[in-house]
N, C-alpha and C. Protein backbone atom coordinates (compact mmCIF):
# COMPACT_ATOMS: atom_id res chain seq x y z
N MET A 1 0.82 -1.19 0.00
CA MET A 1 0.00 0.00 0.00
C MET A 1 0.87 1.26 0.00
N LYS A 2 1.96 1.23 0.75
CA LYS A 2 2.85 2.39 0.80
C LYS A 2 3.48 2.66 -0.56
N LYS A 3 3.79 1.58 -1.30
CA LYS A 3 4.38 1.74 -2.62
C LYS A 3 3.39 2.39 -3.58
N ILE A 4 2.12 2.01 -3.47
CA ILE A 4 1.10 2.59 -4.34
C ILE A 4 0.95 4.08 -4.05
N LEU A 5 0.88 4.45 -2.77
CA LEU A 5 0.76 5.85 -2.40
C LEU A 5 1.99 6.65 -2.83
N ALA A 6 3.15 6.06 -2.68
CA ALA A 6 4.39 6.73 -3.10
C ALA A 6 4.40 6.94 -4.60
N THR A 7 3.94 5.94 -5.36
CA THR A 7 3.88 6.06 -6.81
C THR A 7 2.90 7.14 -7.23
N LEU A 8 1.72 7.18 -6.62
CA LEU A 8 0.73 8.21 -6.94
C LEU A 8 1.26 9.60 -6.59
N GLY A 9 1.95 9.70 -5.46
CA GLY A 9 2.55 10.98 -5.07
C GLY A 9 3.58 11.44 -6.09
N LEU A 10 4.38 10.51 -6.58
CA LEU A 10 5.38 10.84 -7.59
C LEU A 10 4.72 11.31 -8.89
N VAL A 11 3.63 10.67 -9.28
CA VAL A 11 2.91 11.08 -10.49
C VAL A 11 2.38 12.50 -10.33
N PHE A 12 1.81 12.82 -9.17
CA PHE A 12 1.31 14.17 -8.94
C PHE A 12 2.43 15.19 -8.98
N LEU A 13 3.58 14.86 -8.44
CA LEU A 13 4.72 15.78 -8.48
C LEU A 13 5.21 15.99 -9.91
N MET A 14 5.17 14.94 -10.71
CA MET A 14 5.64 15.04 -12.09
C MET A 14 4.71 15.91 -12.93
N THR A 15 3.41 15.90 -12.63
CA THR A 15 2.47 16.68 -13.42
C THR A 15 2.50 18.15 -13.02
N GLY A 16 3.00 18.46 -11.85
CA GLY A 16 3.12 19.85 -11.41
C GLY A 16 1.79 20.44 -11.01
N THR A 17 1.84 21.68 -10.56
CA THR A 17 0.61 22.38 -10.19
C THR A 17 0.20 23.25 -11.35
N GLN A 18 -1.03 23.12 -11.76
CA GLN A 18 -1.53 23.84 -12.90
C GLN A 18 -2.86 24.49 -12.55
N ALA A 19 -3.17 25.59 -13.22
CA ALA A 19 -4.39 26.32 -12.94
C ALA A 19 -5.62 25.68 -13.59
N HIS A 20 -5.44 24.71 -14.44
CA HIS A 20 -6.54 24.08 -15.14
C HIS A 20 -6.68 22.62 -14.68
N ALA A 21 -7.80 22.05 -15.02
CA ALA A 21 -8.06 20.67 -14.62
C ALA A 21 -7.29 19.70 -15.52
N THR A 22 -6.66 18.72 -14.91
CA THR A 22 -5.96 17.68 -15.65
C THR A 22 -6.37 16.33 -15.07
N GLY A 23 -6.86 15.44 -15.93
CA GLY A 23 -7.23 14.11 -15.46
C GLY A 23 -5.98 13.28 -15.19
N LEU A 24 -6.04 12.45 -14.20
CA LEU A 24 -4.90 11.61 -13.86
C LEU A 24 -4.62 10.58 -14.95
N PHE A 25 -5.67 9.96 -15.49
CA PHE A 25 -5.48 8.90 -16.48
C PHE A 25 -5.70 9.37 -17.92
N TYR A 26 -6.60 10.33 -18.12
CA TYR A 26 -6.90 10.79 -19.48
C TYR A 26 -7.40 12.22 -19.43
N THR A 27 -6.92 13.04 -20.35
CA THR A 27 -7.36 14.42 -20.48
C THR A 27 -7.58 14.73 -21.95
N ASP A 28 -8.66 15.42 -22.25
CA ASP A 28 -8.92 15.94 -23.58
C ASP A 28 -9.76 17.20 -23.37
N ALA A 29 -9.09 18.33 -23.16
CA ALA A 29 -9.80 19.55 -22.78
C ALA A 29 -9.22 20.77 -23.49
N THR A 30 -10.09 21.71 -23.77
CA THR A 30 -9.70 23.00 -24.33
C THR A 30 -10.16 24.08 -23.37
N TYR A 31 -9.29 25.05 -23.10
CA TYR A 31 -9.65 26.12 -22.19
C TYR A 31 -8.98 27.41 -22.64
N PRO A 32 -9.56 28.55 -22.28
CA PRO A 32 -8.99 29.83 -22.67
C PRO A 32 -7.81 30.20 -21.77
N VAL A 33 -6.87 30.91 -22.34
CA VAL A 33 -5.74 31.38 -21.55
C VAL A 33 -5.86 32.87 -21.33
N THR A 34 -6.08 33.61 -22.39
CA THR A 34 -6.13 35.05 -22.26
C THR A 34 -6.96 35.65 -23.38
N ALA A 35 -7.37 36.87 -23.18
CA ALA A 35 -8.05 37.62 -24.23
C ALA A 35 -7.60 39.07 -24.10
N THR A 36 -7.54 39.74 -25.21
CA THR A 36 -7.14 41.15 -25.19
C THR A 36 -8.39 42.01 -25.26
N GLY A 37 -8.21 43.28 -25.14
CA GLY A 37 -9.34 44.21 -25.22
C GLY A 37 -9.67 44.58 -26.65
N SER A 38 -9.12 43.88 -27.62
CA SER A 38 -9.33 44.24 -29.01
C SER A 38 -10.78 43.96 -29.41
N LYS A 39 -11.39 44.92 -30.08
CA LYS A 39 -12.79 44.80 -30.52
C LYS A 39 -12.84 44.03 -31.83
N VAL A 40 -13.66 42.99 -31.86
CA VAL A 40 -13.83 42.18 -33.07
C VAL A 40 -15.31 42.16 -33.40
N GLN A 41 -15.65 42.57 -34.61
CA GLN A 41 -17.04 42.60 -35.04
C GLN A 41 -17.56 41.21 -35.40
N ASP A 42 -16.75 40.44 -36.11
CA ASP A 42 -17.18 39.14 -36.61
C ASP A 42 -16.08 38.11 -36.33
N LEU A 43 -16.35 37.20 -35.40
CA LEU A 43 -15.34 36.21 -35.02
C LEU A 43 -14.98 35.28 -36.18
N SER A 44 -15.89 35.10 -37.13
CA SER A 44 -15.61 34.19 -38.25
C SER A 44 -14.55 34.73 -39.20
N THR A 45 -14.24 36.02 -39.11
CA THR A 45 -13.23 36.61 -39.99
C THR A 45 -11.83 36.54 -39.41
N LEU A 46 -11.71 36.08 -38.18
CA LEU A 46 -10.39 36.04 -37.53
C LEU A 46 -9.50 34.98 -38.16
N LYS A 47 -8.21 35.31 -38.22
CA LYS A 47 -7.21 34.32 -38.63
C LYS A 47 -6.94 33.41 -37.45
N LYS A 48 -6.40 32.23 -37.74
CA LYS A 48 -6.11 31.25 -36.69
C LYS A 48 -4.73 30.67 -36.93
N GLY A 49 -3.91 30.63 -35.89
CA GLY A 49 -2.59 30.02 -35.96
C GLY A 49 -2.40 29.06 -34.82
N THR A 50 -1.69 27.95 -35.07
CA THR A 50 -1.48 26.95 -34.03
C THR A 50 0.00 26.60 -33.88
N ALA A 51 0.34 26.12 -32.71
CA ALA A 51 1.68 25.61 -32.41
C ALA A 51 1.50 24.52 -31.36
N SER A 52 2.36 23.50 -31.37
CA SER A 52 2.14 22.38 -30.45
C SER A 52 3.43 21.73 -29.96
N THR A 53 3.28 20.97 -28.88
CA THR A 53 4.37 20.15 -28.34
C THR A 53 3.83 18.75 -28.05
N ASN A 54 4.73 17.80 -27.97
CA ASN A 54 4.42 16.42 -27.60
C ASN A 54 5.43 15.95 -26.56
N ASN A 55 4.93 15.24 -25.55
CA ASN A 55 5.76 14.75 -24.47
C ASN A 55 5.54 13.24 -24.34
N ILE A 56 6.62 12.50 -24.26
CA ILE A 56 6.54 11.04 -24.12
C ILE A 56 7.16 10.63 -22.78
N LEU A 57 6.35 10.00 -21.95
CA LEU A 57 6.78 9.46 -20.65
C LEU A 57 7.44 10.49 -19.73
N PHE A 58 7.13 11.76 -19.91
CA PHE A 58 7.75 12.84 -19.14
C PHE A 58 9.27 12.80 -19.25
N LEU A 59 9.78 12.16 -20.31
CA LEU A 59 11.22 12.06 -20.52
C LEU A 59 11.67 12.91 -21.70
N VAL A 60 10.86 12.94 -22.76
CA VAL A 60 11.23 13.66 -23.98
C VAL A 60 10.06 14.55 -24.38
N GLU A 61 10.34 15.82 -24.60
CA GLU A 61 9.32 16.74 -25.09
C GLU A 61 9.89 17.48 -26.29
N THR A 62 9.10 17.53 -27.36
CA THR A 62 9.53 18.22 -28.57
C THR A 62 8.44 19.17 -29.02
N GLY A 63 8.85 20.20 -29.73
CA GLY A 63 7.90 21.15 -30.29
C GLY A 63 8.07 22.53 -29.71
N ASP A 64 7.27 23.45 -30.21
CA ASP A 64 7.27 24.84 -29.75
C ASP A 64 5.82 25.30 -29.70
N ALA A 65 5.26 25.36 -28.53
CA ALA A 65 3.86 25.76 -28.35
C ALA A 65 3.77 27.18 -27.82
N SER A 66 4.65 28.05 -28.27
CA SER A 66 4.62 29.43 -27.79
C SER A 66 3.56 30.23 -28.53
N ILE A 67 3.08 31.26 -27.89
CA ILE A 67 2.09 32.15 -28.50
C ILE A 67 2.69 32.84 -29.71
N ASP A 68 3.93 33.22 -29.62
CA ASP A 68 4.62 33.88 -30.73
C ASP A 68 4.66 32.99 -31.97
N THR A 69 5.01 31.72 -31.79
CA THR A 69 5.07 30.78 -32.91
C THR A 69 3.69 30.57 -33.51
N ALA A 70 2.67 30.42 -32.66
CA ALA A 70 1.31 30.23 -33.17
C ALA A 70 0.85 31.45 -33.96
N ALA A 71 1.15 32.64 -33.47
CA ALA A 71 0.77 33.86 -34.18
C ALA A 71 1.48 33.95 -35.53
N LYS A 72 2.77 33.65 -35.55
CA LYS A 72 3.52 33.67 -36.81
C LYS A 72 2.98 32.63 -37.80
N ASN A 73 2.63 31.44 -37.30
CA ASN A 73 2.08 30.38 -38.16
C ASN A 73 0.76 30.79 -38.80
N GLY A 74 0.01 31.67 -38.14
CA GLY A 74 -1.28 32.12 -38.67
C GLY A 74 -1.21 33.47 -39.35
N GLY A 75 -0.03 34.09 -39.37
CA GLY A 75 0.11 35.42 -39.97
C GLY A 75 -0.65 36.47 -39.18
N ILE A 76 -0.67 36.32 -37.86
CA ILE A 76 -1.45 37.21 -36.99
C ILE A 76 -0.54 38.28 -36.38
N LYS A 77 -0.96 39.53 -36.49
CA LYS A 77 -0.20 40.65 -35.91
C LYS A 77 -0.92 41.24 -34.69
N LYS A 78 -2.24 41.10 -34.64
CA LYS A 78 -3.04 41.64 -33.53
C LYS A 78 -3.86 40.50 -32.94
N ILE A 79 -3.49 40.04 -31.74
CA ILE A 79 -4.12 38.87 -31.12
C ILE A 79 -5.43 39.26 -30.44
N SER A 80 -6.46 38.47 -30.70
CA SER A 80 -7.77 38.66 -30.08
C SER A 80 -7.91 37.79 -28.83
N HIS A 81 -7.68 36.49 -29.00
CA HIS A 81 -7.74 35.58 -27.85
C HIS A 81 -6.95 34.30 -28.14
N ILE A 82 -6.70 33.53 -27.06
CA ILE A 82 -5.85 32.35 -27.14
C ILE A 82 -6.54 31.19 -26.43
N ASP A 83 -6.50 30.02 -27.04
CA ASP A 83 -7.01 28.80 -26.43
C ASP A 83 -5.88 27.78 -26.34
N ILE A 84 -5.99 26.92 -25.32
CA ILE A 84 -5.04 25.81 -25.15
C ILE A 84 -5.83 24.51 -25.21
N HIS A 85 -5.33 23.55 -25.96
CA HIS A 85 -5.95 22.22 -25.99
C HIS A 85 -4.92 21.21 -25.50
N GLU A 86 -5.28 20.49 -24.46
CA GLU A 86 -4.40 19.46 -23.90
C GLU A 86 -5.04 18.10 -24.07
N LYS A 87 -4.22 17.16 -24.43
CA LYS A 87 -4.66 15.78 -24.52
C LYS A 87 -3.55 14.92 -23.91
N SER A 88 -3.93 14.02 -23.00
CA SER A 88 -2.91 13.18 -22.38
C SER A 88 -3.49 11.81 -22.05
N VAL A 89 -2.60 10.84 -22.00
CA VAL A 89 -2.94 9.48 -21.60
C VAL A 89 -1.95 9.09 -20.50
N PHE A 90 -2.43 9.14 -19.26
CA PHE A 90 -1.65 8.85 -18.05
C PHE A 90 -0.28 9.51 -18.17
N ILE A 91 0.81 8.79 -17.94
CA ILE A 91 2.13 9.38 -18.07
C ILE A 91 2.79 9.00 -19.40
N PHE A 92 2.03 8.31 -20.26
CA PHE A 92 2.62 7.81 -21.50
C PHE A 92 2.81 8.89 -22.56
N TRP A 93 1.80 9.77 -22.72
CA TRP A 93 1.86 10.77 -23.78
C TRP A 93 1.05 12.00 -23.40
N LYS A 94 1.56 13.17 -23.77
CA LYS A 94 0.83 14.41 -23.54
C LYS A 94 1.09 15.34 -24.72
N GLY A 95 0.04 15.92 -25.25
CA GLY A 95 0.15 16.88 -26.32
C GLY A 95 -0.50 18.19 -25.92
N VAL A 96 0.14 19.29 -26.25
CA VAL A 96 -0.39 20.62 -25.96
C VAL A 96 -0.43 21.40 -27.27
N LYS A 97 -1.60 21.98 -27.58
CA LYS A 97 -1.72 22.78 -28.80
C LYS A 97 -2.24 24.16 -28.42
N VAL A 98 -1.49 25.19 -28.80
CA VAL A 98 -1.87 26.57 -28.56
C VAL A 98 -2.50 27.10 -29.84
N THR A 99 -3.70 27.69 -29.72
CA THR A 99 -4.37 28.28 -30.88
C THR A 99 -4.55 29.78 -30.61
N VAL A 100 -4.05 30.60 -31.51
CA VAL A 100 -4.13 32.04 -31.39
C VAL A 100 -5.08 32.55 -32.46
N TYR A 101 -5.99 33.43 -32.08
CA TYR A 101 -6.93 34.03 -33.01
C TYR A 101 -6.67 35.53 -33.08
N GLY A 102 -6.80 36.10 -34.25
CA GLY A 102 -6.59 37.53 -34.38
C GLY A 102 -6.60 38.00 -35.82
N GLU A 103 -6.07 39.18 -36.01
CA GLU A 103 -6.06 39.81 -37.34
C GLU A 103 -4.63 39.94 -37.84
């Protein structure tokens, strides 16, 4: 029993403290990070840019999920709002995708 509790404690330490909800075994969630005060008349006209990272076994992480990279990928100069999409399967794999919307 002590080994199980120690293992669960280690998993929680590896995932860190985050402001959003993360499932222990599976996560597939999108949540907002920030929004600017920029006025947008029609959301359907906004450009969209994405950037992502992938993590395997909390040992190897590759990619660039920065807001700057996502904005450049979408040709965005004026950011309206940003969403984050996380998907994970226990400690085996985790993907993070940043989506930036703007003009």
